[in-house]
PDB file of all heavy atoms in Angstrom:
ATOM      1  N   LYS A   1      22.480 -57.581 -17.538  1.00  0.00           N
ATOM      2  CA  LYS A   1      22.054 -56.183 -17.574  1.00  0.00           C
ATOM      3  C   LYS A   1      22.760 -55.372 -18.672  1.00  0.00           C
ATOM      4  O   LYS A   1      22.580 -54.156 -18.764  1.00  0.00           O
ATOM      5  CB  LYS A   1      22.291 -55.524 -16.213  1.00  0.00           C
ATOM      6  CG  LYS A   1      21.406 -56.071 -15.109  1.00  0.00           C
ATOM      7  CD  LYS A   1      21.576 -55.289 -13.834  1.00  0.00           C
ATOM      8  CE  LYS A   1      20.670 -55.819 -12.733  1.00  0.00           C
ATOM      9  NZ  LYS A   1      19.235 -55.681 -13.067  1.00  0.00           N
ATOM     10  N   ARG A   2      23.567 -56.041 -19.490  1.00  0.00           N
ATOM     11  CA  ARG A   2      24.271 -55.324 -20.562  1.00  0.00           C
ATOM     12  C   ARG A   2      24.288 -56.136 -21.860  1.00  0.00           C
ATOM     13  O   ARG A   2      25.255 -56.143 -22.607  1.00  0.00           O
ATOM     14  CB  ARG A   2      25.697 -54.963 -20.128  1.00  0.00           C
ATOM     15  CG  ARG A   2      26.514 -56.104 -19.558  1.00  0.00           C
ATOM     16  CD  ARG A   2      27.956 -55.689 -19.295  1.00  0.00           C
ATOM     17  NE  ARG A   2      28.660 -56.675 -18.509  1.00  0.00           N
ATOM     18  CZ  ARG A   2      29.137 -57.823 -18.971  1.00  0.00           C
ATOM     19  NH1 ARG A   2      28.996 -58.111 -20.259  1.00  0.00           N
ATOM     20  NH2 ARG A   2      29.780 -58.662 -18.169  1.00  0.00           N
ATOM     21  N   ILE A   3      23.176 -56.788 -22.155  1.00  0.00           N
ATOM     22  CA  ILE A   3      23.056 -57.527 -23.407  1.00  0.00           C
ATOM     23  C   ILE A   3      22.931 -56.534 -24.557  1.00  0.00           C
ATOM     24  O   ILE A   3      22.077 -55.650 -24.548  1.00  0.00           O
ATOM     25  CB  ILE A   3      21.816 -58.451 -23.382  1.00  0.00           C
ATOM     26  CG1 ILE A   3      21.961 -59.516 -22.278  1.00  0.00           C
ATOM     27  CG2 ILE A   3      21.591 -59.097 -24.738  1.00  0.00           C
ATOM     28  CD1 ILE A   3      23.128 -60.437 -22.459  1.00  0.00           C
ATOM     29  N   THR A   4      23.787 -56.672 -25.570  1.00  0.00           N
ATOM     30  CA  THR A   4      23.670 -55.809 -26.756  1.00  0.00           C
ATOM     31  C   THR A   4      23.316 -56.609 -28.011  1.00  0.00           C
ATOM     32  O   THR A   4      23.002 -56.012 -29.038  1.00  0.00           O
ATOM     33  CB  THR A   4      24.975 -55.027 -27.011  1.00  0.00           C
ATOM     34  OG1 THR A   4      26.022 -55.920 -27.409  1.00  0.00           O
ATOM     35  CG2 THR A   4      25.396 -54.251 -25.771  1.00  0.00           C
ATOM     36  N   ILE A   5      23.381 -57.932 -27.928  1.00  0.00           N
ATOM     37  CA  ILE A   5      22.912 -58.802 -29.009  1.00  0.00           C
ATOM     38  C   ILE A   5      22.025 -59.874 -28.384  1.00  0.00           C
ATOM     39  O   ILE A   5      22.495 -60.666 -27.569  1.00  0.00           O
ATOM     40  CB  ILE A   5      24.074 -59.471 -29.761  1.00  0.00           C
ATOM     41  CG1 ILE A   5      25.016 -58.424 -30.350  1.00  0.00           C
ATOM     42  CG2 ILE A   5      23.545 -60.380 -30.863  1.00  0.00           C
ATOM     43  CD1 ILE A   5      26.164 -59.015 -31.130  1.00  0.00           C
ATOM     44  N   PRO A   6      20.740 -59.890 -28.735  1.00  0.00           N
ATOM     45  CA  PRO A   6      19.857 -60.898 -28.137  1.00  0.00           C
ATOM     46  C   PRO A   6      20.190 -62.300 -28.641  1.00  0.00           C
ATOM     47  O   PRO A   6      20.851 -62.464 -29.673  1.00  0.00           O
ATOM     48  CB  PRO A   6      18.466 -60.454 -28.612  1.00  0.00           C
ATOM     49  CG  PRO A   6      18.721 -59.699 -29.880  1.00  0.00           C
ATOM     50  CD  PRO A   6      20.047 -59.016 -29.685  1.00  0.00           C
ATOM     51  N   ALA A   7      19.735 -63.303 -27.903  1.00  0.00           N
ATOM     52  CA  ALA A   7      19.961 -64.696 -28.295  1.00  0.00           C
ATOM     53  C   ALA A   7      19.305 -64.965 -29.643  1.00  0.00           C
ATOM     54  O   ALA A   7      18.241 -64.432 -29.960  1.00  0.00           O
ATOM     55  CB  ALA A   7      19.404 -65.629 -27.235  1.00  0.00           C
ATOM     56  N   SER A   8      19.974 -65.810 -30.446  1.00  0.00           N
ATOM     57  CA  SER A   8      19.441 -66.171 -31.754  1.00  0.00           C
ATOM     58  C   SER A   8      19.874 -67.584 -32.088  1.00  0.00           C
ATOM     59  O   SER A   8      21.072 -67.851 -32.254  1.00  0.00           O
ATOM     60  CB  SER A   8      19.940 -65.194 -32.833  1.00  0.00           C
ATOM     61  OG  SER A   8      19.485 -65.565 -34.114  1.00  0.00           O
ATOM     62  N   GLY A   9      18.909 -68.496 -32.156  1.00  0.00           N
ATOM     63  CA  GLY A   9      19.229 -69.887 -32.449  1.00  0.00           C
ATOM     64  C   GLY A   9      20.177 -70.472 -31.423  1.00  0.00           C
ATOM     65  O   GLY A   9      19.928 -70.411 -30.220  1.00  0.00           O
ATOM     66  N   ARG A  10      21.309 -70.992 -31.898  1.00  0.00           N
ATOM     67  CA  ARG A  10      22.281 -71.605 -30.977  1.00  0.00           C
ATOM     68  C   ARG A  10      23.210 -70.587 -30.336  1.00  0.00           C
ATOM     69  O   ARG A  10      24.043 -70.949 -29.517  1.00  0.00           O
ATOM     70  CB  ARG A  10      23.102 -72.670 -31.705  1.00  0.00           C
ATOM     71  CG  ARG A  10      23.957 -72.149 -32.846  1.00  0.00           C
ATOM     72  CD  ARG A  10      24.567 -73.307 -33.630  1.00  0.00           C
ATOM     73  NE  ARG A  10      25.386 -72.864 -34.760  1.00  0.00           N
ATOM     74  CZ  ARG A  10      26.689 -72.649 -34.699  1.00  0.00           C
ATOM     75  NH1 ARG A  10      27.330 -72.817 -33.560  1.00  0.00           N
ATOM     76  NH2 ARG A  10      27.357 -72.272 -35.772  1.00  0.00           N
ATOM     77  N   TYR A  11      23.065 -69.308 -30.720  1.00  0.00           N
ATOM     78  CA  TYR A  11      23.946 -68.274 -30.177  1.00  0.00           C
ATOM     79  C   TYR A  11      23.293 -67.604 -28.969  1.00  0.00           C
ATOM     80  O   TYR A  11      22.177 -67.074 -29.079  1.00  0.00           O
ATOM     81  CB  TYR A  11      24.265 -67.230 -31.246  1.00  0.00           C
ATOM     82  CG  TYR A  11      25.002 -67.793 -32.430  1.00  0.00           C
ATOM     83  CD1 TYR A  11      24.343 -68.010 -33.636  1.00  0.00           C
ATOM     84  CD2 TYR A  11      26.351 -68.128 -32.338  1.00  0.00           C
ATOM     85  CE1 TYR A  11      25.012 -68.534 -34.732  1.00  0.00           C
ATOM     86  CE2 TYR A  11      27.035 -68.659 -33.422  1.00  0.00           C
ATOM     87  CZ  TYR A  11      26.354 -68.865 -34.619  1.00  0.00           C
ATOM     88  OH  TYR A  11      27.024 -69.401 -35.694  1.00  0.00           O
ATOM     89  N   PRO A  12      23.958 -67.598 -27.826  1.00  0.00           N
ATOM     90  CA  PRO A  12      23.369 -66.971 -26.627  1.00  0.00           C
ATOM     91  C   PRO A  12      23.444 -65.451 -26.686  1.00  0.00           C
ATOM     92  O   PRO A  12      24.234 -64.883 -27.452  1.00  0.00           O
ATOM     93  CB  PRO A  12      24.256 -67.517 -25.496  1.00  0.00           C
ATOM     94  CG  PRO A  12      25.590 -67.727 -26.153  1.00  0.00           C
ATOM     95  CD  PRO A  12      25.286 -68.188 -27.553  1.00  0.00           C
ATOM     96  N   ALA A  13      22.630 -64.797 -25.887  1.00  0.00           N
ATOM     97  CA  ALA A  13      22.710 -63.339 -25.761  1.00  0.00           C
ATOM     98  C   ALA A  13      24.079 -62.952 -25.231  1.00  0.00           C
ATOM     99  O   ALA A  13      24.661 -63.652 -24.392  1.00  0.00           O
ATOM    100  CB  ALA A  13      21.616 -62.847 -24.819  1.00  0.00           C
ATOM    101  N   THR A  14      24.600 -61.821 -25.715  1.00  0.00           N
ATOM    102  CA  THR A  14      25.954 -61.446 -25.315  1.00  0.00           C
ATOM    103  C   THR A  14      26.162 -59.943 -25.420  1.00  0.00           C
ATOM    104  O   THR A  14      25.260 -59.193 -25.788  1.00  0.00           O
ATOM    105  CB  THR A  14      27.000 -62.203 -26.167  1.00  0.00           C
ATOM    106  OG1 THR A  14      28.288 -62.030 -25.582  1.00  0.00           O
ATOM    107  CG2 THR A  14      27.005 -61.698 -27.604  1.00  0.00           C
ATOM    108  N   THR A  15      27.391 -59.515 -25.117  1.00  0.00           N
ATOM    109  CA  THR A  15      27.776 -58.106 -25.158  1.00  0.00           C
ATOM    110  C   THR A  15      28.960 -57.946 -26.095  1.00  0.00           C
ATOM    111  O   THR A  15      30.092 -58.257 -25.739  1.00  0.00           O
ATOM    112  CB  THR A  15      28.187 -57.609 -23.748  1.00  0.00           C
ATOM    113  OG1 THR A  15      27.134 -57.872 -22.827  1.00  0.00           O
ATOM    114  CG2 THR A  15      28.482 -56.112 -23.769  1.00  0.00           C
ATOM    115  N   PHE A  16      28.707 -57.458 -27.316  1.00  0.00           N
ATOM    116  CA  PHE A  16      29.781 -57.187 -28.263  1.00  0.00           C
ATOM    117  C   PHE A  16      30.038 -55.695 -28.431  1.00  0.00           C
ATOM    118  O   PHE A  16      31.074 -55.300 -28.963  1.00  0.00           O
ATOM    119  CB  PHE A  16      29.444 -57.777 -29.640  1.00  0.00           C
ATOM    120  CG  PHE A  16      29.726 -59.250 -29.776  1.00  0.00           C
ATOM    121  CD1 PHE A  16      29.355 -59.917 -30.935  1.00  0.00           C
ATOM    122  CD2 PHE A  16      30.359 -59.968 -28.775  1.00  0.00           C
ATOM    123  CE1 PHE A  16      29.616 -61.278 -31.084  1.00  0.00           C
ATOM    124  CE2 PHE A  16      30.617 -61.320 -28.906  1.00  0.00           C
ATOM    125  CZ  PHE A  16      30.238 -61.982 -30.075  1.00  0.00           C
ATOM    126  N   ASP A  17      29.080 -54.875 -28.021  1.00  0.00           N
ATOM    127  CA  ASP A  17      29.150 -53.433 -28.260  1.00  0.00           C
ATOM    128  C   ASP A  17      29.560 -52.718 -26.973  1.00  0.00           C
ATOM    129  O   ASP A  17      28.917 -52.892 -25.933  1.00  0.00           O
ATOM    130  CB  ASP A  17      27.800 -52.924 -28.759  1.00  0.00           C
ATOM    131  CG  ASP A  17      27.330 -53.722 -29.967  1.00  0.00           C
ATOM    132  OD1 ASP A  17      27.665 -53.338 -31.091  1.00  0.00           O
ATOM    133  OD2 ASP A  17      26.634 -54.755 -29.765  1.00  0.00           O
ATOM    134  N   HIS A  18      30.614 -51.911 -27.069  1.00  0.00           N
ATOM    135  CA  HIS A  18      31.202 -51.296 -25.876  1.00  0.00           C
ATOM    136  C   HIS A  18      31.517 -49.821 -26.120  1.00  0.00           C
ATOM    137  O   HIS A  18      31.751 -49.402 -27.254  1.00  0.00           O
ATOM    138  CB  HIS A  18      32.514 -51.997 -25.508  1.00  0.00           C
ATOM    139  CG  HIS A  18      32.406 -53.477 -25.338  1.00  0.00           C
ATOM    140  ND1 HIS A  18      32.239 -54.079 -24.107  1.00  0.00           N
ATOM    141  CD2 HIS A  18      32.447 -54.491 -26.251  1.00  0.00           C
ATOM    142  CE1 HIS A  18      32.194 -55.395 -24.268  1.00  0.00           C
ATOM    143  NE2 HIS A  18      32.311 -55.664 -25.560  1.00  0.00           N
ATOM    144  N   ILE A  19      31.541 -49.074 -25.026  1.00  0.00           N
ATOM    145  CA  ILE A  19      32.085 -47.717 -25.028  1.00  0.00           C
ATOM    146  C   ILE A  19      33.166 -47.670 -23.949  1.00  0.00           C
ATOM    147  O   ILE A  19      32.887 -47.890 -22.768  1.00  0.00           O
ATOM    148  CB  ILE A  19      30.997 -46.660 -24.764  1.00  0.00           C
ATOM    149  CG1 ILE A  19      29.998 -46.636 -25.929  1.00  0.00           C
ATOM    150  CG2 ILE A  19      31.625 -45.272 -24.575  1.00  0.00           C
ATOM    151  CD1 ILE A  19      28.854 -45.649 -25.753  1.00  0.00           C
ATOM    152  N   LEU A  20      34.401 -47.419 -24.379  1.00  0.00           N
ATOM    153  CA  LEU A  20      35.536 -47.308 -23.470  1.00  0.00           C
ATOM    154  C   LEU A  20      35.956 -45.850 -23.387  1.00  0.00           C
ATOM    155  O   LEU A  20      35.761 -45.082 -24.331  1.00  0.00           O
ATOM    156  CB  LEU A  20      36.713 -48.149 -23.979  1.00  0.00           C
ATOM    157  CG  LEU A  20      36.423 -49.591 -24.395  1.00  0.00           C
ATOM    158  CD1 LEU A  20      37.714 -50.272 -24.867  1.00  0.00           C
ATOM    159  CD2 LEU A  20      35.788 -50.376 -23.272  1.00  0.00           C
ATOM    160  N   TYR A  21      36.555 -45.470 -22.270  1.00  0.00           N
ATOM    161  CA  TYR A  21      36.909 -44.061 -22.091  1.00  0.00           C
ATOM    162  C   TYR A  21      38.086 -43.907 -21.141  1.00  0.00           C
ATOM    163  O   TYR A  21      38.359 -44.774 -20.304  1.00  0.00           O
ATOM    164  CB  TYR A  21      35.705 -43.281 -21.556  1.00  0.00           C
ATOM    165  CG  TYR A  21      35.257 -43.721 -20.168  1.00  0.00           C
ATOM    166  CD1 TYR A  21      35.666 -43.038 -19.021  1.00  0.00           C
ATOM    167  CD2 TYR A  21      34.436 -44.841 -19.990  1.00  0.00           C
ATOM    168  CE1 TYR A  21      35.268 -43.442 -17.751  1.00  0.00           C
ATOM    169  CE2 TYR A  21      34.040 -45.253 -18.732  1.00  0.00           C
ATOM    170  CZ  TYR A  21      34.455 -44.547 -17.614  1.00  0.00           C
ATOM    171  OH  TYR A  21      34.068 -44.964 -16.357  1.00  0.00           O
ATOM    172  N   ARG A  22      38.784 -42.778 -21.289  1.00  0.00           N
ATOM    173  CA  ARG A  22      39.793 -42.386 -20.309  1.00  0.00           C
ATOM    174  C   ARG A  22      39.914 -40.862 -20.349  1.00  0.00           C
ATOM    175  O   ARG A  22      39.665 -40.220 -21.378  1.00  0.00           O
ATOM    176  CB  ARG A  22      41.142 -43.054 -20.591  1.00  0.00           C
ATOM    177  CG  ARG A  22      41.965 -42.444 -21.697  1.00  0.00           C
ATOM    178  CD  ARG A  22      43.293 -43.162 -21.874  1.00  0.00           C
ATOM    179  NE  ARG A  22      44.170 -42.426 -22.764  1.00  0.00           N
ATOM    180  CZ  ARG A  22      45.263 -42.914 -23.331  1.00  0.00           C
ATOM    181  NH1 ARG A  22      45.627 -44.166 -23.091  1.00  0.00           N
ATOM    182  NH2 ARG A  22      46.013 -42.165 -24.124  1.00  0.00           N
ATOM    183  N   GLY A  23      40.260 -40.281 -19.202  1.00  0.00           N
ATOM    184  CA  GLY A  23      40.414 -38.836 -19.106  1.00  0.00           C
ATOM    185  C   GLY A  23      39.108 -38.079 -19.031  1.00  0.00           C
ATOM    186  O   GLY A  23      39.094 -36.849 -19.146  1.00  0.00           O
ATOM    187  N   ILE A  24      38.004 -38.770 -18.853  1.00  0.00           N
ATOM    188  CA  ILE A  24      36.681 -38.156 -18.767  1.00  0.00           C
ATOM    189  C   ILE A  24      35.841 -39.021 -17.831  1.00  0.00           C
ATOM    190  O   ILE A  24      36.122 -40.204 -17.658  1.00  0.00           O
ATOM    191  CB  ILE A  24      36.046 -38.058 -20.181  1.00  0.00           C
ATOM    192  CG1 ILE A  24      34.827 -37.138 -20.174  1.00  0.00           C
ATOM    193  CG2 ILE A  24      35.719 -39.428 -20.738  1.00  0.00           C
ATOM    194  CD1 ILE A  24      34.317 -36.804 -21.573  1.00  0.00           C
ATOM    195  N   GLU A  25      34.817 -38.426 -17.211  1.00  0.00           N
ATOM    196  CA  GLU A  25      34.005 -39.148 -16.232  1.00  0.00           C
ATOM    197  C   GLU A  25      32.596 -39.381 -16.767  1.00  0.00           C
ATOM    198  O   GLU A  25      32.021 -38.530 -17.454  1.00  0.00           O
ATOM    199  CB  GLU A  25      33.923 -38.364 -14.914  1.00  0.00           C
ATOM    200  CG  GLU A  25      35.257 -38.178 -14.217  1.00  0.00           C
ATOM    201  CD  GLU A  25      35.885 -39.487 -13.781  1.00  0.00           C
ATOM    202  OE1 GLU A  25      35.121 -40.405 -13.397  1.00  0.00           O
ATOM    203  OE2 GLU A  25      37.125 -39.593 -13.829  1.00  0.00           O
ATOM    204  N   LYS A  26      32.035 -40.536 -16.427  1.00  0.00           N
ATOM    205  CA  LYS A  26      30.646 -40.807 -16.775  1.00  0.00           C
ATOM    206  C   LYS A  26      29.718 -39.911 -15.960  1.00  0.00           C
ATOM    207  O   LYS A  26      30.029 -39.548 -14.830  1.00  0.00           O
ATOM    208  CB  LYS A  26      30.291 -42.264 -16.483  1.00  0.00           C
ATOM    209  CG  LYS A  26      30.831 -43.254 -17.476  1.00  0.00           C
ATOM    210  CD  LYS A  26      30.108 -44.611 -17.386  1.00  0.00           C
ATOM    211  CE  LYS A  26      30.110 -45.170 -15.977  1.00  0.00           C
ATOM    212  NZ  LYS A  26      29.356 -46.435 -15.902  1.00  0.00           N
ATOM    213  N   ALA A  27      28.557 -39.602 -16.551  1.00  0.00           N
ATOM    214  CA  ALA A  27      27.571 -38.767 -15.864  1.00  0.00           C
ATOM    215  C   ALA A  27      26.272 -39.544 -15.635  1.00  0.00           C
ATOM    216  O   ALA A  27      25.188 -39.000 -15.677  1.00  0.00           O
ATOM    217  CB  ALA A  27      27.288 -37.512 -16.683  1.00  0.00           C
ATOM    218  N   GLY A  28      26.398 -40.823 -15.401  1.00  0.00           N
ATOM    219  CA  GLY A  28      25.214 -41.651 -15.179  1.00  0.00           C
ATOM    220  C   GLY A  28      25.469 -43.070 -15.641  1.00  0.00           C
ATOM    221  O   GLY A  28      26.584 -43.439 -16.013  1.00  0.00           O
ATOM    222  N   SER A  29      24.419 -43.866 -15.640  1.00  0.00           N
ATOM    223  CA  SER A  29      24.544 -45.273 -16.004  1.00  0.00           C
ATOM    224  C   SER A  29      24.414 -45.453 -17.519  1.00  0.00           C
ATOM    225  O   SER A  29      23.950 -44.567 -18.237  1.00  0.00           O
ATOM    226  CB  SER A  29      23.478 -46.102 -15.282  1.00  0.00           C
ATOM    227  OG  SER A  29      22.180 -45.608 -15.595  1.00  0.00           O
ATOM    228  N   VAL A  30      24.815 -46.619 -17.980  1.00  0.00           N
ATOM    229  CA  VAL A  30      24.715 -46.959 -19.401  1.00  0.00           C
ATOM    230  C   VAL A  30      23.258 -47.240 -19.755  1.00  0.00           C
ATOM    231  O   VAL A  30      22.530 -47.875 -18.996  1.00  0.00           O
ATOM    232  CB  VAL A  30      25.572 -48.200 -19.714  1.00  0.00           C
ATOM    233  CG1 VAL A  30      25.430 -48.595 -21.181  1.00  0.00           C
ATOM    234  CG2 VAL A  30      27.027 -47.950 -19.366  1.00  0.00           C
ATOM    235  N   ARG A  31      22.839 -46.761 -20.923  1.00  0.00           N
ATOM    236  CA  ARG A  31      21.497 -47.066 -21.428  1.00  0.00           C
ATOM    237  C   ARG A  31      21.619 -47.975 -22.638  1.00  0.00           C
ATOM    238  O   ARG A  31      22.291 -47.635 -23.608  1.00  0.00           O
ATOM    239  CB  ARG A  31      20.751 -45.790 -21.823  1.00  0.00           C
ATOM    240  CG  ARG A  31      19.376 -46.067 -22.450  1.00  0.00           C
ATOM    241  CD  ARG A  31      18.674 -44.789 -22.862  1.00  0.00           C
ATOM    242  NE  ARG A  31      17.395 -45.069 -23.501  1.00  0.00           N
ATOM    243  CZ  ARG A  31      16.578 -44.134 -23.990  1.00  0.00           C
ATOM    244  NH1 ARG A  31      16.913 -42.847 -23.904  1.00  0.00           N
ATOM    245  NH2 ARG A  31      15.432 -44.473 -24.565  1.00  0.00           N
ATOM    246  N   ILE A  32      20.995 -49.135 -22.569  1.00  0.00           N
ATOM    247  CA  ILE A  32      20.948 -50.057 -23.699  1.00  0.00           C
ATOM    248  C   ILE A  32      19.499 -50.137 -24.150  1.00  0.00           C
ATOM    249  O   ILE A  32      18.626 -50.542 -23.378  1.00  0.00           O
ATOM    250  CB  ILE A  32      21.486 -51.444 -23.318  1.00  0.00           C
ATOM    251  CG1 ILE A  32      22.952 -51.340 -22.857  1.00  0.00           C
ATOM    252  CG2 ILE A  32      21.365 -52.414 -24.489  1.00  0.00           C
ATOM    253  CD1 ILE A  32      23.515 -52.625 -22.299  1.00  0.00           C
ATOM    254  N   GLN A  33      19.241 -49.731 -25.380  1.00  0.00           N
ATOM    255  CA  GLN A  33      17.880 -49.665 -25.902  1.00  0.00           C
ATOM    256  C   GLN A  33      17.565 -50.915 -26.720  1.00  0.00           C
ATOM    257  O   GLN A  33      18.162 -51.149 -27.760  1.00  0.00           O
ATOM    258  CB  GLN A  33      17.712 -48.426 -26.781  1.00  0.00           C
ATOM    259  CG  GLN A  33      16.337 -48.271 -27.400  1.00  0.00           C
ATOM    260  CD  GLN A  33      15.272 -48.003 -26.345  1.00  0.00           C
ATOM    261  OE1 GLN A  33      15.455 -47.158 -25.478  1.00  0.00           O
ATOM    262  NE2 GLN A  33      14.177 -48.742 -26.413  1.00  0.00           N
ATOM    263  N   GLU A  34      16.634 -51.724 -26.241  1.00  0.00           N
ATOM    264  CA  GLU A  34      16.241 -52.893 -27.016  1.00  0.00           C
ATOM    265  C   GLU A  34      15.470 -52.452 -28.259  1.00  0.00           C
ATOM    266  O   GLU A  34      14.639 -51.554 -28.203  1.00  0.00           O
ATOM    267  CB  GLU A  34      15.376 -53.836 -26.170  1.00  0.00           C
ATOM    268  CG  GLU A  34      16.124 -54.457 -25.004  1.00  0.00           C
ATOM    269  CD  GLU A  34      15.305 -55.511 -24.286  1.00  0.00           C
ATOM    270  OE1 GLU A  34      14.210 -55.873 -24.793  1.00  0.00           O
ATOM    271  OE2 GLU A  34      15.753 -55.972 -23.221  1.00  0.00           O
ATOM    272  N   VAL A  35      15.780 -53.082 -29.385  1.00  0.00           N
ATOM    273  CA  VAL A  35      15.125 -52.744 -30.646  1.00  0.00           C
ATOM    274  C   VAL A  35      14.723 -54.025 -31.371  1.00  0.00           C
ATOM    275  O   VAL A  35      15.267 -55.108 -31.119  1.00  0.00           O
ATOM    276  CB  VAL A  35      16.042 -51.905 -31.565  1.00  0.00           C
ATOM    277  CG1 VAL A  35      16.361 -50.569 -30.925  1.00  0.00           C
ATOM    278  CG2 VAL A  35      17.329 -52.659 -31.916  1.00  0.00           C
ATOM    279  N   GLU A  36      13.782 -53.891 -32.313  1.00  0.00           N
ATOM    280  CA  GLU A  36      13.354 -55.021 -33.116  1.00  0.00           C
ATOM    281  C   GLU A  36      14.422 -55.371 -34.145  1.00  0.00           C
ATOM    282  O   GLU A  36      15.225 -54.540 -34.543  1.00  0.00           O
ATOM    283  CB  GLU A  36      12.037 -54.696 -33.844  1.00  0.00           C
ATOM    284  CG  GLU A  36      10.889 -54.321 -32.928  1.00  0.00           C
ATOM    285  CD  GLU A  36      10.869 -52.817 -32.640  1.00  0.00           C
ATOM    286  OE1 GLU A  36      11.840 -52.126 -32.991  1.00  0.00           O
ATOM    287  OE2 GLU A  36       9.874 -52.360 -32.060  1.00  0.00           O
ATOM    288  N   TRP A  37      14.377 -56.613 -34.615  1.00  0.00           N
ATOM    289  CA  TRP A  37      15.346 -57.126 -35.581  1.00  0.00           C
ATOM    290  C   TRP A  37      15.376 -56.284 -36.843  1.00  0.00           C
ATOM    291  O   TRP A  37      16.419 -56.142 -37.492  1.00  0.00           O
ATOM    292  CB  TRP A  37      14.988 -58.578 -35.906  1.00  0.00           C
ATOM    293  CG  TRP A  37      15.914 -59.237 -36.874  1.00  0.00           C
ATOM    294  CD1 TRP A  37      15.756 -59.338 -38.225  1.00  0.00           C
ATOM    295  CD2 TRP A  37      17.142 -59.900 -36.567  1.00  0.00           C
ATOM    296  NE1 TRP A  37      16.808 -60.023 -38.782  1.00  0.00           N
ATOM    297  CE2 TRP A  37      17.671 -60.383 -37.795  1.00  0.00           C
ATOM    298  CE3 TRP A  37      17.846 -60.139 -35.385  1.00  0.00           C
ATOM    299  CZ2 TRP A  37      18.869 -61.088 -37.861  1.00  0.00           C
ATOM    300  CZ3 TRP A  37      19.033 -60.840 -35.461  1.00  0.00           C
ATOM    301  CH2 TRP A  37      19.542 -61.304 -36.668  1.00  0.00           C
ATOM    302  N   GLU A  38      14.216 -55.711 -37.238  1.00  0.00           N
ATOM    303  CA  GLU A  38      14.164 -54.924 -38.466  1.00  0.00           C
ATOM    304  C   GLU A  38      15.060 -53.688 -38.400  1.00  0.00           C
ATOM    305  O   GLU A  38      15.482 -53.168 -39.436  1.00  0.00           O
ATOM    306  CB  GLU A  38      12.724 -54.489 -38.765  1.00  0.00           C
ATOM    307  CG  GLU A  38      11.779 -55.601 -39.156  1.00  0.00           C
ATOM    308  CD  GLU A  38      11.332 -56.444 -37.965  1.00  0.00           C
ATOM    309  OE1 GLU A  38      11.534 -55.999 -36.819  1.00  0.00           O
ATOM    310  OE2 GLU A  38      10.791 -57.545 -38.195  1.00  0.00           O
ATOM    311  N   ARG A  39      15.317 -53.202 -37.194  1.00  0.00           N
ATOM    312  CA  ARG A  39      16.197 -52.034 -37.033  1.00  0.00           C
ATOM    313  C   ARG A  39      17.656 -52.460 -37.026  1.00  0.00           C
ATOM    314  O   ARG A  39      18.487 -51.859 -37.698  1.00  0.00           O
ATOM    315  CB  ARG A  39      15.839 -51.278 -35.754  1.00  0.00           C
ATOM    316  CG  ARG A  39      14.418 -50.732 -35.788  1.00  0.00           C
ATOM    317  CD  ARG A  39      13.970 -50.150 -34.459  1.00  0.00           C
ATOM    318  NE  ARG A  39      12.523 -50.020 -34.440  1.00  0.00           N
ATOM    319  CZ  ARG A  39      11.871 -48.869 -34.524  1.00  0.00           C
ATOM    320  NH1 ARG A  39      12.553 -47.739 -34.617  1.00  0.00           N
ATOM    321  NH2 ARG A  39      10.562 -48.839 -34.526  1.00  0.00           N
ATOM    322  N   SER A  40      17.967 -53.492 -36.247  1.00  0.00           N
ATOM    323  CA  SER A  40      19.322 -54.040 -36.210  1.00  0.00           C
ATOM    324  C   SER A  40      19.332 -55.290 -35.353  1.00  0.00           C
ATOM    325  O   SER A  40      18.450 -55.503 -34.517  1.00  0.00           O
ATOM    326  CB  SER A  40      20.308 -53.016 -35.636  1.00  0.00           C
ATOM    327  OG  SER A  40      21.615 -53.577 -35.567  1.00  0.00           O
TER     328      SER A  40
END
């Protein structure tokens, strides 16, 4: 539910992109927007 890099060839889908925080509270769930390869 938190894939930020889709699978490609021998590389599996994974999570390399993160937002870390302290001293502040989240106001909802994380949104990960799937995009086409041409964008990133």
